[in-house]
Amino acid sequence: MIPLLGFAVSTAMLDVYAGNQLQTHDPVTVAALSFTMVALFFLAFGAARGGLRATLRPWRVSRNDVLAINFVTAVCWLGTLYALKYLEPAIVSVSVFTLELVFTLPLSPLLRPGTMVLRTEIAVAAGACALIGVLEWRSFTGNSAVGKIGTAAAAAGLVLIVVSALSGTCTVIWAKRLSEAGHGTRSILAVRFFAIVLVTWGILAVTGDPRFVAAIAPSAILAVVGIGLPIYLFQVGVGHTEPITAELLSSLSPVFVFAFQFLDPRLSPSPVTLAVIVGVVVLVVIGTAARHRHDIRMLVGKGATP
């Protein structure tokens, strides 16, 4: 449980810290620097543990799936970073988290073949979307922690949230496909970030960034605390806990985001935002518990031991 709590906390730190730094640094620059560091680390780590040829095996054996997960990873992270530039971190965090759950429902046959969507899960998704609608409306009316940002910025942030959530959900699909093809976690992470590195450096080569050098230090912090550490902690946590525990502890990330916002002087956290976040977490608990009970009944019905 401790690694998963660490995952929730470090992810929350990413959202607040990135939201602060992206007010002065270009998201493309930050992404180029931080993901280059992350990609090189996982590539070197995999090569050191299993050899470079074995680490790059997914690229040779499952090239289409590797290309797909690279594409959706790039879209997800760039969308999230730009959304954090426009909107309150807590709103971005809980909105992306909620919409990923919503998008998972129609995609669940791909994620878990033979699994039916429960009525409780549909009700939970609808309720969570209604709560998220409250936060998005507050952003449009200038009542979020970042104050008045303008209709255009609020609309751009909302579109980016939807894009990030959809692409984030798709990463799960292709990560599962690669895993089922026999590729280990180290190999998948070693070949997952090529696209975002190439795209962001390509954009920088054309546009440039006068604050490039100043962005190196915050990008390094983001690479370690916001990307590398959460991925590692999540993999460790999932390997030592039940899936239901992983889902519930991961849902606490928006709560930690809200708490960390008090450390950012530019933000004025709202009780309404906290109430919505707590409401979403409660709904997630209800939905996850319903799914857990359903899975237990299916196991018992098949004569297996829960």
C-alpha atoms as a PDB file:
ATOM      1  CA  MET A   1       0.000   0.000   0.000  1.00  0.00           C
ATOM      2  CA  ILE A   2       2.840   2.420   0.773  1.00  0.00           C
ATOM      3  CA  PRO A   3       4.174   2.460  -2.835  1.00  0.00           C
ATOM      4  CA  LEU A   4       0.679   3.201  -4.161  1.00  0.00           C
ATOM      5  CA  LEU A   5       0.231   6.026  -1.675  1.00  0.00           C
ATOM      6  CA  GLY A   6       3.617   7.274  -2.843  1.00  0.00           C
ATOM      7  CA  PHE A   7       2.331   7.090  -6.405  1.00  0.00           C
ATOM      8  CA  ALA A   8      -0.719   9.194  -5.528  1.00  0.00           C
ATOM      9  CA  VAL A   9       1.410  11.759  -3.677  1.00  0.00           C
ATOM     10  CA  SER A  10       4.107  12.039  -6.358  1.00  0.00           C
ATOM     11  CA  THR A  11       1.498  12.356  -9.105  1.00  0.00           C
ATOM     12  CA  ALA A  12      -0.124  15.158  -7.125  1.00  0.00           C
ATOM     13  CA  MET A  13       3.239  16.875  -6.749  1.00  0.00           C
ATOM     14  CA  LEU A  14       3.670  16.633 -10.524  1.00  0.00           C
ATOM     15  CA  ASP A  15       0.378  18.401 -11.212  1.00  0.00           C
ATOM     16  CA  VAL A  16       0.972  21.275  -8.813  1.00  0.00           C
ATOM     17  CA  TYR A  17       4.678  21.734  -9.573  1.00  0.00           C
ATOM     18  CA  ALA A  18       4.169  21.488 -13.340  1.00  0.00           C
ATOM     19  CA  GLY A  19       1.232  23.888 -13.154  1.00  0.00           C
ATOM     20  CA  ASN A  20       3.474  26.404 -11.382  1.00  0.00           C
ATOM     21  CA  GLN A  21       6.486  26.021 -13.668  1.00  0.00           C
ATOM     22  CA  LEU A  22       4.451  26.067 -16.877  1.00  0.00           C
ATOM     23  CA  GLN A  23       3.422  29.644 -16.165  1.00  0.00           C
ATOM     24  CA  THR A  24       6.984  30.686 -17.063  1.00  0.00           C
ATOM     25  CA  HIS A  25       8.297  27.789 -19.170  1.00  0.00           C
ATOM     26  CA  ASP A  26       7.064  26.438 -22.493  1.00  0.00           C
ATOM     27  CA  PRO A  27       5.310  23.044 -22.107  1.00  0.00           C
ATOM     28  CA  VAL A  28       7.097  21.750 -25.219  1.00  0.00           C
ATOM     29  CA  THR A  29      10.497  22.629 -23.751  1.00  0.00           C
ATOM     30  CA  VAL A  30       9.646  21.027 -20.424  1.00  0.00           C
ATOM     31  CA  ALA A  31       8.355  17.892 -22.160  1.00  0.00           C
ATOM     32  CA  ALA A  32      11.409  17.632 -24.436  1.00  0.00           C
ATOM     33  CA  LEU A  33      13.877  17.875 -21.562  1.00  0.00           C
ATOM     34  CA  SER A  34      12.035  15.777 -18.973  1.00  0.00           C
ATOM     35  CA  PHE A  35      10.995  12.941 -21.285  1.00  0.00           C
ATOM     36  CA  THR A  36      14.447  12.747 -22.839  1.00  0.00           C
ATOM     37  CA  MET A  37      15.831  12.169 -19.350  1.00  0.00           C
ATOM     38  CA  VAL A  38      13.132   9.607 -18.550  1.00  0.00           C
ATOM     39  CA  ALA A  39      13.559   7.774 -21.874  1.00  0.00           C
ATOM     40  CA  LEU A  40      17.339   7.580 -21.503  1.00  0.00           C
ATOM     41  CA  PHE A  41      17.014   6.323 -17.933  1.00  0.00           C
ATOM     42  CA  PHE A  42      14.598   3.489 -18.739  1.00  0.00           C
ATOM     43  CA  LEU A  43      16.588   2.564 -21.848  1.00  0.00           C
ATOM     44  CA  ALA A  44      19.850   2.432 -19.871  1.00  0.00           C
ATOM     45  CA  PHE A  45      18.189   0.631 -16.951  1.00  0.00           C
ATOM     46  CA  GLY A  46      16.707  -2.017 -19.228  1.00  0.00           C
ATOM     47  CA  ALA A  47      19.973  -2.480 -21.097  1.00  0.00           C
ATOM     48  CA  ALA A  48      21.912  -2.831 -17.844  1.00  0.00           C
ATOM     49  CA  ARG A  49      19.510  -5.459 -16.481  1.00  0.00           C
ATOM     50  CA  GLY A  50      18.756  -7.488 -19.599  1.00  0.00           C
ATOM     51  CA  GLY A  51      20.888  -6.237 -22.469  1.00  0.00           C
ATOM     52  CA  LEU A  52      20.028  -3.707 -25.167  1.00  0.00           C
ATOM     53  CA  ARG A  53      18.743  -6.288 -27.664  1.00  0.00           C
ATOM     54  CA  ALA A  54      16.307  -7.789 -25.159  1.00  0.00           C
ATOM     55  CA  THR A  55      15.218  -4.289 -24.047  1.00  0.00           C
ATOM     56  CA  LEU A  56      14.353  -3.298 -27.630  1.00  0.00           C
ATOM     57  CA  ARG A  57      12.542  -6.595 -28.328  1.00  0.00           C
ATOM     58  CA  PRO A  58       9.062  -4.935 -28.338  1.00  0.00           C
ATOM     59  CA  TRP A  59      10.175  -2.720 -31.233  1.00  0.00           C
ATOM     60  CA  ARG A  60      11.171  -5.777 -33.296  1.00  0.00           C
ATOM     61  CA  VAL A  61       8.293  -8.089 -32.358  1.00  0.00           C
ATOM     62  CA  SER A  62       5.312  -5.742 -31.766  1.00  0.00           C
ATOM     63  CA  ARG A  63       6.194  -2.647 -33.769  1.00  0.00           C
ATOM     64  CA  ASN A  64       2.619  -1.537 -34.490  1.00  0.00           C
ATOM     65  CA  ASP A  65       1.672  -1.657 -30.812  1.00  0.00           C
ATOM     66  CA  VAL A  66       4.871   0.194 -29.857  1.00  0.00           C
ATOM     67  CA  LEU A  67       4.082   2.927 -32.391  1.00  0.00           C
ATOM     68  CA  ALA A  68       0.521   3.165 -31.071  1.00  0.00           C
ATOM     69  CA  ILE A  69       1.511   3.475 -27.414  1.00  0.00           C
ATOM     70  CA  ASN A  70       4.135   6.062 -28.357  1.00  0.00           C
ATOM     71  CA  PHE A  71       1.517   8.144 -30.158  1.00  0.00           C
ATOM     72  CA  VAL A  72      -1.099   8.089 -27.387  1.00  0.00           C
ATOM     73  CA  THR A  73       1.564   8.676 -24.703  1.00  0.00           C
ATOM     74  CA  ALA A  74       2.752  11.806 -26.529  1.00  0.00           C
ATOM     75  CA  VAL A  75      -0.797  13.116 -26.973  1.00  0.00           C
ATOM     76  CA  CYS A  76      -1.704  12.378 -23.338  1.00  0.00           C
ATOM     77  CA  TRP A  77       1.297  14.096 -21.748  1.00  0.00           C
ATOM     78  CA  LEU A  78       1.371  17.128 -24.049  1.00  0.00           C
ATOM     79  CA  GLY A  79      -2.352  17.598 -23.503  1.00  0.00           C
ATOM     80  CA  THR A  80      -1.932  17.372 -19.743  1.00  0.00           C
ATOM     81  CA  LEU A  81       0.988  19.808 -19.624  1.00  0.00           C
ATOM     82  CA  TYR A  82      -0.850  22.400 -21.701  1.00  0.00           C
ATOM     83  CA  ALA A  83      -4.027  21.916 -19.630  1.00  0.00           C
ATOM     84  CA  LEU A  84      -1.983  22.597 -16.478  1.00  0.00           C
ATOM     85  CA  LYS A  85      -0.788  25.832 -18.064  1.00  0.00           C
ATOM     86  CA  TYR A  86      -4.389  27.056 -18.383  1.00  0.00           C
ATOM     87  CA  LEU A  87      -6.390  25.509 -15.536  1.00  0.00           C
ATOM     88  CA  GLU A  88      -6.249  24.825 -11.813  1.00  0.00           C
ATOM     89  CA  PRO A  89      -4.140  21.671 -11.163  1.00  0.00           C
ATOM     90  CA  ALA A  90      -6.828  20.056  -8.979  1.00  0.00           C
ATOM     91  CA  ILE A  91      -9.409  20.499 -11.752  1.00  0.00           C
ATOM     92  CA  VAL A  92      -7.069  18.984 -14.337  1.00  0.00           C
ATOM     93  CA  SER A  93      -6.218  16.064 -12.064  1.00  0.00           C
ATOM     94  CA  VAL A  94      -9.728  15.072 -11.038  1.00  0.00           C
ATOM     95  CA  SER A  95     -11.169  15.746 -14.523  1.00  0.00           C
ATOM     96  CA  VAL A  96      -8.612  13.589 -16.346  1.00  0.00           C
ATOM     97  CA  PHE A  97      -8.941  10.855 -13.713  1.00  0.00           C
ATOM     98  CA  THR A  98     -12.759  10.859 -13.975  1.00  0.00           C
ATOM     99  CA  LEU A  99     -12.914  10.945 -17.748  1.00  0.00           C
ATOM    100  CA  GLU A 100     -10.427   8.083 -17.987  1.00  0.00           C
ATOM    101  CA  LEU A 101     -12.857   6.013 -15.908  1.00  0.00           C
ATOM    102  CA  VAL A 102     -15.727   7.091 -18.174  1.00  0.00           C
ATOM    103  CA  PHE A 103     -13.844   6.246 -21.375  1.00  0.00           C
ATOM    104  CA  THR A 104     -12.862   2.884 -19.889  1.00  0.00           C
ATOM    105  CA  LEU A 105     -16.516   1.769 -19.809  1.00  0.00           C
ATOM    106  CA  PRO A 106     -17.058   1.551 -23.587  1.00  0.00           C
ATOM    107  CA  LEU A 107     -13.479   0.351 -24.034  1.00  0.00           C
ATOM    108  CA  SER A 108     -13.720  -2.325 -21.327  1.00  0.00           C
ATOM    109  CA  PRO A 109     -14.313  -5.158 -23.844  1.00  0.00           C
ATOM    110  CA  LEU A 110     -10.845  -4.363 -25.208  1.00  0.00           C
ATOM    111  CA  LEU A 111      -9.339  -4.072 -21.744  1.00  0.00           C
ATOM    112  CA  ARG A 112     -11.053  -7.082 -20.217  1.00  0.00           C
ATOM    113  CA  PRO A 113     -12.565  -9.384 -22.886  1.00  0.00           C
ATOM    114  CA  GLY A 114     -15.807 -11.008 -21.778  1.00  0.00           C
ATOM    115  CA  THR A 115     -16.457  -8.439 -19.035  1.00  0.00           C
ATOM    116  CA  MET A 116     -19.788  -6.659 -18.834  1.00  0.00           C
ATOM    117  CA  VAL A 117     -20.245  -3.042 -17.717  1.00  0.00           C
ATOM    118  CA  LEU A 118     -22.273  -2.854 -14.488  1.00  0.00           C
ATOM    119  CA  ARG A 119     -25.245  -0.525 -14.027  1.00  0.00           C
ATOM    120  CA  THR A 120     -23.560   0.822 -10.905  1.00  0.00           C
ATOM    121  CA  GLU A 121     -20.476   1.739 -12.939  1.00  0.00           C
ATOM    122  CA  ILE A 122     -22.620   3.606 -15.472  1.00  0.00           C
ATOM    123  CA  ALA A 123     -24.377   5.497 -12.664  1.00  0.00           C
ATOM    124  CA  VAL A 124     -21.033   6.313 -11.035  1.00  0.00           C
ATOM    125  CA  ALA A 125     -19.636   7.596 -14.333  1.00  0.00           C
ATOM    126  CA  ALA A 126     -22.704   9.788 -14.910  1.00  0.00           C
ATOM    127  CA  GLY A 127     -22.532  11.209 -11.377  1.00  0.00           C
ATOM    128  CA  ALA A 128     -18.808  11.891 -11.647  1.00  0.00           C
ATOM    129  CA  CYS A 129     -19.298  13.667 -14.987  1.00  0.00           C
ATOM    130  CA  ALA A 130     -21.967  15.871 -13.424  1.00  0.00           C
ATOM    131  CA  LEU A 131     -19.572  16.838 -10.630  1.00  0.00           C
ATOM    132  CA  ILE A 132     -16.790  17.544 -13.107  1.00  0.00           C
ATOM    133  CA  GLY A 133     -19.214  19.741 -15.028  1.00  0.00           C
ATOM    134  CA  VAL A 134     -19.471  21.947 -11.934  1.00  0.00           C
ATOM    135  CA  LEU A 135     -15.700  22.487 -11.866  1.00  0.00           C
ATOM    136  CA  GLU A 136     -15.490  23.180 -15.587  1.00  0.00           C
ATOM    137  CA  TRP A 137     -18.287  25.749 -15.295  1.00  0.00           C
ATOM    138  CA  ARG A 138     -16.422  27.445 -12.471  1.00  0.00           C
ATOM    139  CA  SER A 139     -13.361  27.678 -14.710  1.00  0.00           C
ATOM    140  CA  PHE A 140     -15.433  29.361 -17.414  1.00  0.00           C
ATOM    141  CA  THR A 141     -16.862  31.835 -14.907  1.00  0.00           C
ATOM    142  CA  GLY A 142     -13.498  32.645 -13.279  1.00  0.00           C
ATOM    143  CA  ASN A 143     -14.259  30.986  -9.934  1.00  0.00           C
ATOM    144  CA  SER A 144     -11.426  28.450  -9.873  1.00  0.00           C
ATOM    145  CA  ALA A 145      -8.187  28.712  -7.891  1.00  0.00           C
ATOM    146  CA  VAL A 146      -6.434  30.477 -10.797  1.00  0.00           C
ATOM    147  CA  GLY A 147      -9.103  33.178 -11.003  1.00  0.00           C
ATOM    148  CA  LYS A 148     -10.293  34.641 -14.298  1.00  0.00           C
ATOM    149  CA  ILE A 149      -8.534  33.033 -17.254  1.00  0.00           C
ATOM    150  CA  GLY A 150     -10.921  33.934 -20.057  1.00  0.00           C
ATOM    151  CA  THR A 151     -13.392  31.831 -22.010  1.00  0.00           C
ATOM    152  CA  ALA A 152     -10.866  30.867 -24.692  1.00  0.00           C
ATOM    153  CA  ALA A 153      -8.326  29.543 -22.172  1.00  0.00           C
ATOM    154  CA  ALA A 154     -11.028  27.672 -20.241  1.00  0.00           C
ATOM    155  CA  ALA A 155     -12.347  26.091 -23.451  1.00  0.00           C
ATOM    156  CA  ALA A 156      -8.831  25.135 -24.548  1.00  0.00           C
ATOM    157  CA  GLY A 157      -8.183  23.586 -21.145  1.00  0.00           C
ATOM    158  CA  LEU A 158     -11.400  21.570 -21.320  1.00  0.00           C
ATOM    159  CA  VAL A 159     -10.590  20.234 -24.803  1.00  0.00           C
ATOM    160  CA  LEU A 160      -7.076  19.305 -23.667  1.00  0.00           C
ATOM    161  CA  ILE A 161      -8.480  17.476 -20.635  1.00  0.00           C
ATOM    162  CA  VAL A 162     -10.760  15.376 -22.850  1.00  0.00           C
ATOM    163  CA  VAL A 163      -7.923  14.602 -25.271  1.00  0.00           C
ATOM    164  CA  SER A 164      -5.577  13.690 -22.395  1.00  0.00           C
ATOM    165  CA  ALA A 165      -8.131  11.412 -20.763  1.00  0.00           C
ATOM    166  CA  LEU A 166      -9.001   9.593 -23.988  1.00  0.00           C
ATOM    167  CA  SER A 167      -5.375   9.080 -24.972  1.00  0.00           C
ATOM    168  CA  GLY A 168      -4.511   8.094 -21.392  1.00  0.00           C
ATOM    169  CA  THR A 169      -7.183   5.407 -21.524  1.00  0.00           C
ATOM    170  CA  CYS A 170      -5.784   4.165 -24.830  1.00  0.00           C
ATOM    171  CA  THR A 171      -2.310   3.796 -23.314  1.00  0.00           C
ATOM    172  CA  VAL A 172      -3.761   1.171 -20.983  1.00  0.00           C
ATOM    173  CA  ILE A 173      -5.047  -0.810 -23.963  1.00  0.00           C
ATOM    174  CA  TRP A 174      -1.714  -0.928 -25.745  1.00  0.00           C
ATOM    175  CA  ALA A 175       0.246  -1.456 -22.548  1.00  0.00           C
ATOM    176  CA  LYS A 176      -1.969  -4.482 -21.936  1.00  0.00           C
ATOM    177  CA  ARG A 177      -1.434  -5.716 -25.510  1.00  0.00           C
ATOM    178  CA  LEU A 178       2.332  -5.424 -25.144  1.00  0.00           C
ATOM    179  CA  SER A 179       2.233  -7.155 -21.774  1.00  0.00           C
ATOM    180  CA  GLU A 180       0.137 -10.010 -23.157  1.00  0.00           C
ATOM    181  CA  ALA A 181       2.658 -10.337 -26.009  1.00  0.00           C
ATOM    182  CA  GLY A 182       5.230 -11.310 -23.389  1.00  0.00           C
ATOM    183  CA  HIS A 183       7.098  -8.028 -23.012  1.00  0.00           C
ATOM    184  CA  GLY A 184       8.255  -7.039 -19.528  1.00  0.00           C
ATOM    185  CA  THR A 185       7.658  -3.685 -17.822  1.00  0.00           C
ATOM    186  CA  ARG A 186      11.268  -2.548 -18.302  1.00  0.00           C
ATOM    187  CA  SER A 187      11.123  -3.197 -22.039  1.00  0.00           C
ATOM    188  CA  ILE A 188       7.771  -1.451 -22.460  1.00  0.00           C
ATOM    189  CA  LEU A 189       8.933   1.654 -20.593  1.00  0.00           C
ATOM    190  CA  ALA A 190      12.202   1.682 -22.559  1.00  0.00           C
ATOM    191  CA  VAL A 191      10.386   2.057 -25.915  1.00  0.00           C
ATOM    192  CA  ARG A 192       7.355   4.095 -24.812  1.00  0.00           C
ATOM    193  CA  PHE A 193       8.642   7.671 -24.999  1.00  0.00           C
ATOM    194  CA  PHE A 194      10.390   7.882 -28.389  1.00  0.00           C
ATOM    195  CA  ALA A 195       7.536   9.770 -30.073  1.00  0.00           C
ATOM    196  CA  ILE A 196       7.158  12.524 -27.489  1.00  0.00           C
ATOM    197  CA  VAL A 197      10.934  13.049 -27.468  1.00  0.00           C
ATOM    198  CA  LEU A 198      11.116  13.316 -31.270  1.00  0.00           C
ATOM    199  CA  VAL A 199       8.021  15.522 -31.598  1.00  0.00           C
ATOM    200  CA  THR A 200       8.985  17.989 -28.881  1.00  0.00           C
ATOM    201  CA  TRP A 201      12.598  18.349 -30.046  1.00  0.00           C
ATOM    202  CA  GLY A 202      11.325  18.765 -33.603  1.00  0.00           C
ATOM    203  CA  ILE A 203       9.039  21.607 -32.498  1.00  0.00           C
ATOM    204  CA  LEU A 204      11.880  23.233 -30.544  1.00  0.00           C
ATOM    205  CA  ALA A 205      14.162  23.030 -33.558  1.00  0.00           C
ATOM    206  CA  VAL A 206      11.649  25.135 -35.497  1.00  0.00           C
ATOM    207  CA  THR A 207      10.372  27.523 -32.818  1.00  0.00           C
ATOM    208  CA  GLY A 208      13.272  27.767 -30.343  1.00  0.00           C
ATOM    209  CA  ASP A 209      12.917  28.871 -26.714  1.00  0.00           C
ATOM    210  CA  PRO A 210      14.897  31.775 -25.203  1.00  0.00           C
ATOM    211  CA  ARG A 211      14.362  30.308 -21.707  1.00  0.00           C
ATOM    212  CA  PHE A 212      15.661  26.845 -22.648  1.00  0.00           C
ATOM    213  CA  VAL A 213      18.571  26.821 -20.174  1.00  0.00           C
ATOM    214  CA  ALA A 214      16.371  28.048 -17.309  1.00  0.00           C
ATOM    215  CA  ALA A 215      13.962  25.171 -17.974  1.00  0.00           C
ATOM    216  CA  ILE A 216      16.591  22.437 -17.484  1.00  0.00           C
ATOM    217  CA  ALA A 217      16.453  22.304 -13.661  1.00  0.00           C
ATOM    218  CA  PRO A 218      12.627  22.245 -13.302  1.00  0.00           C
ATOM    219  CA  SER A 219      12.426  19.702 -16.129  1.00  0.00           C
ATOM    220  CA  ALA A 220      14.899  17.441 -14.304  1.00  0.00           C
ATOM    221  CA  ILE A 221      12.800  17.671 -11.130  1.00  0.00           C
ATOM    222  CA  LEU A 222       9.685  16.879 -13.142  1.00  0.00           C
ATOM    223  CA  ALA A 223      11.403  13.902 -14.783  1.00  0.00           C
ATOM    224  CA  VAL A 224      12.355  12.370 -11.437  1.00  0.00           C
ATOM    225  CA  VAL A 225       9.442  13.289  -9.149  1.00  0.00           C
ATOM    226  CA  GLY A 226       6.609  13.600 -11.639  1.00  0.00           C
ATOM    227  CA  ILE A 227       7.295  10.887 -14.212  1.00  0.00           C
ATOM    228  CA  GLY A 228       9.963   8.344 -13.303  1.00  0.00           C
ATOM    229  CA  LEU A 229       9.109   7.954  -9.596  1.00  0.00           C
ATOM    230  CA  PRO A 230       5.317   7.568 -10.036  1.00  0.00           C
ATOM    231  CA  ILE A 231       5.763   4.971 -12.779  1.00  0.00           C
ATOM    232  CA  TYR A 232       8.172   2.963 -10.611  1.00  0.00           C
ATOM    233  CA  LEU A 233       6.011   3.197  -7.466  1.00  0.00           C
ATOM    234  CA  PHE A 234       2.880   2.195  -9.350  1.00  0.00           C
ATOM    235  CA  GLN A 235       4.537  -0.906 -10.824  1.00  0.00           C
ATOM    236  CA  VAL A 236       5.869  -1.923  -7.387  1.00  0.00           C
ATOM    237  CA  GLY A 237       2.510  -1.266  -5.714  1.00  0.00           C
ATOM    238  CA  VAL A 238       0.454  -3.188  -8.256  1.00  0.00           C
ATOM    239  CA  GLY A 239       2.775  -6.152  -7.863  1.00  0.00           C
ATOM    240  CA  HIS A 240       2.136  -6.345  -4.104  1.00  0.00           C
ATOM    241  CA  THR A 241      -1.549  -5.407  -3.707  1.00  0.00           C
ATOM    242  CA  GLU A 242      -4.946  -6.429  -4.976  1.00  0.00           C
ATOM    243  CA  PRO A 243      -6.304  -4.516  -8.022  1.00  0.00           C
ATOM    244  CA  ILE A 244      -9.132  -3.024  -5.936  1.00  0.00           C
ATOM    245  CA  THR A 245      -6.573  -1.560  -3.513  1.00  0.00           C
ATOM    246  CA  ALA A 246      -4.576  -0.088  -6.387  1.00  0.00           C
ATOM    247  CA  GLU A 247      -7.653   1.569  -7.876  1.00  0.00           C
ATOM    248  CA  LEU A 248      -8.818   3.052  -4.577  1.00  0.00           C
ATOM    249  CA  LEU A 249      -5.422   4.421  -3.553  1.00  0.00           C
ATOM    250  CA  SER A 250      -4.812   5.877  -7.012  1.00  0.00           C
ATOM    251  CA  SER A 251      -8.118   7.755  -6.763  1.00  0.00           C
ATOM    252  CA  LEU A 252      -6.699   9.740  -3.818  1.00  0.00           C
ATOM    253  CA  SER A 253      -4.311  11.656  -6.099  1.00  0.00           C
ATOM    254  CA  PRO A 254      -6.730  14.589  -6.728  1.00  0.00           C
ATOM    255  CA  VAL A 255      -7.109  15.008  -2.954  1.00  0.00           C
ATOM    256  CA  PHE A 256      -3.351  15.364  -2.566  1.00  0.00           C
ATOM    257  CA  VAL A 257      -3.304  17.787  -5.518  1.00  0.00           C
ATOM    258  CA  PHE A 258      -5.803  20.000  -3.717  1.00  0.00           C
ATOM    259  CA  ALA A 259      -3.718  19.919  -0.521  1.00  0.00           C
ATOM    260  CA  PHE A 260      -0.467  20.764  -2.341  1.00  0.00           C
ATOM    261  CA  GLN A 261      -2.123  23.749  -3.995  1.00  0.00           C
ATOM    262  CA  PHE A 262      -1.855  25.618  -0.688  1.00  0.00           C
ATOM    263  CA  LEU A 263       1.919  25.665  -1.274  1.00  0.00           C
ATOM    264  CA  ASP A 264       1.500  27.613  -4.526  1.00  0.00           C
ATOM    265  CA  PRO A 265       0.930  31.335  -3.781  1.00  0.00           C
ATOM    266  CA  ARG A 266      -0.760  31.948  -7.132  1.00  0.00           C
ATOM    267  CA  LEU A 267      -3.607  29.546  -6.245  1.00  0.00           C
ATOM    268  CA  SER A 268      -6.621  30.088  -3.972  1.00  0.00           C
ATOM    269  CA  PRO A 269      -8.164  26.619  -3.459  1.00  0.00           C
ATOM    270  CA  SER A 270     -11.946  26.573  -3.214  1.00  0.00           C
ATOM    271  CA  PRO A 271     -14.114  24.488  -0.853  1.00  0.00           C
ATOM    272  CA  VAL A 272     -16.331  23.715  -3.854  1.00  0.00           C
ATOM    273  CA  THR A 273     -13.375  22.092  -5.635  1.00  0.00           C
ATOM    274  CA  LEU A 274     -12.619  20.000  -2.544  1.00  0.00           C
ATOM    275  CA  ALA A 275     -16.279  18.951  -2.255  1.00  0.00           C
ATOM    276  CA  VAL A 276     -16.334  17.832  -5.896  1.00  0.00           C
ATOM    277  CA  ILE A 277     -13.063  15.903  -5.496  1.00  0.00           C
ATOM    278  CA  VAL A 278     -14.346  14.125  -2.387  1.00  0.00           C
ATOM    279  CA  GLY A 279     -17.606  13.377  -4.204  1.00  0.00           C
ATOM    280  CA  VAL A 280     -15.729  11.827  -7.123  1.00  0.00           C
ATOM    281  CA  VAL A 281     -13.573   9.729  -4.769  1.00  0.00           C
ATOM    282  CA  VAL A 282     -16.705   8.466  -2.973  1.00  0.00           C
ATOM    283  CA  LEU A 283     -18.290   7.529  -6.300  1.00  0.00           C
ATOM    284  CA  VAL A 284     -15.097   5.732  -7.349  1.00  0.00           C
ATOM    285  CA  VAL A 285     -15.155   3.767  -4.091  1.00  0.00           C
ATOM    286  CA  ILE A 286     -18.777   2.761  -4.754  1.00  0.00           C
ATOM    287  CA  GLY A 287     -18.041   1.728  -8.337  1.00  0.00           C
ATOM    288  CA  THR A 288     -14.890  -0.169  -7.441  1.00  0.00           C
ATOM    289  CA  ALA A 289     -16.639  -1.989  -4.594  1.00  0.00           C
ATOM    290  CA  ALA A 290     -19.489  -2.977  -6.933  1.00  0.00           C
ATOM    291  CA  ARG A 291     -16.994  -4.330  -9.487  1.00  0.00           C
ATOM    292  CA  HIS A 292     -15.127  -6.213  -6.722  1.00  0.00           C
ATOM    293  CA  ARG A 293     -18.349  -7.842  -5.468  1.00  0.00           C
ATOM    294  CA  HIS A 294     -19.302  -8.784  -9.030  1.00  0.00           C
ATOM    295  CA  ASP A 295     -15.904 -10.379  -9.682  1.00  0.00           C
ATOM    296  CA  ILE A 296     -16.115 -12.335  -6.423  1.00  0.00           C
ATOM    297  CA  ARG A 297     -19.570 -13.668  -7.361  1.00  0.00           C
ATOM    298  CA  MET A 298     -18.261 -14.722 -10.778  1.00  0.00           C
ATOM    299  CA  LEU A 299     -15.343 -16.563  -9.189  1.00  0.00           C
ATOM    300  CA  VAL A 300     -17.616 -18.327  -6.708  1.00  0.00           C
ATOM    301  CA  GLY A 301     -20.010 -19.230  -9.508  1.00  0.00           C
ATOM    302  CA  LYS A 302     -17.151 -20.886 -11.393  1.00  0.00           C
ATOM    303  CA  GLY A 303     -16.107 -22.808  -8.300  1.00  0.00           C
ATOM    304  CA  ALA A 304     -12.879 -20.829  -7.826  1.00  0.00           C
ATOM    305  CA  THR A 305     -11.516 -19.500  -4.567  1.00  0.00           C
ATOM    306  CA  PRO A 306     -11.917 -15.677  -4.289  1.00  0.00           C
END
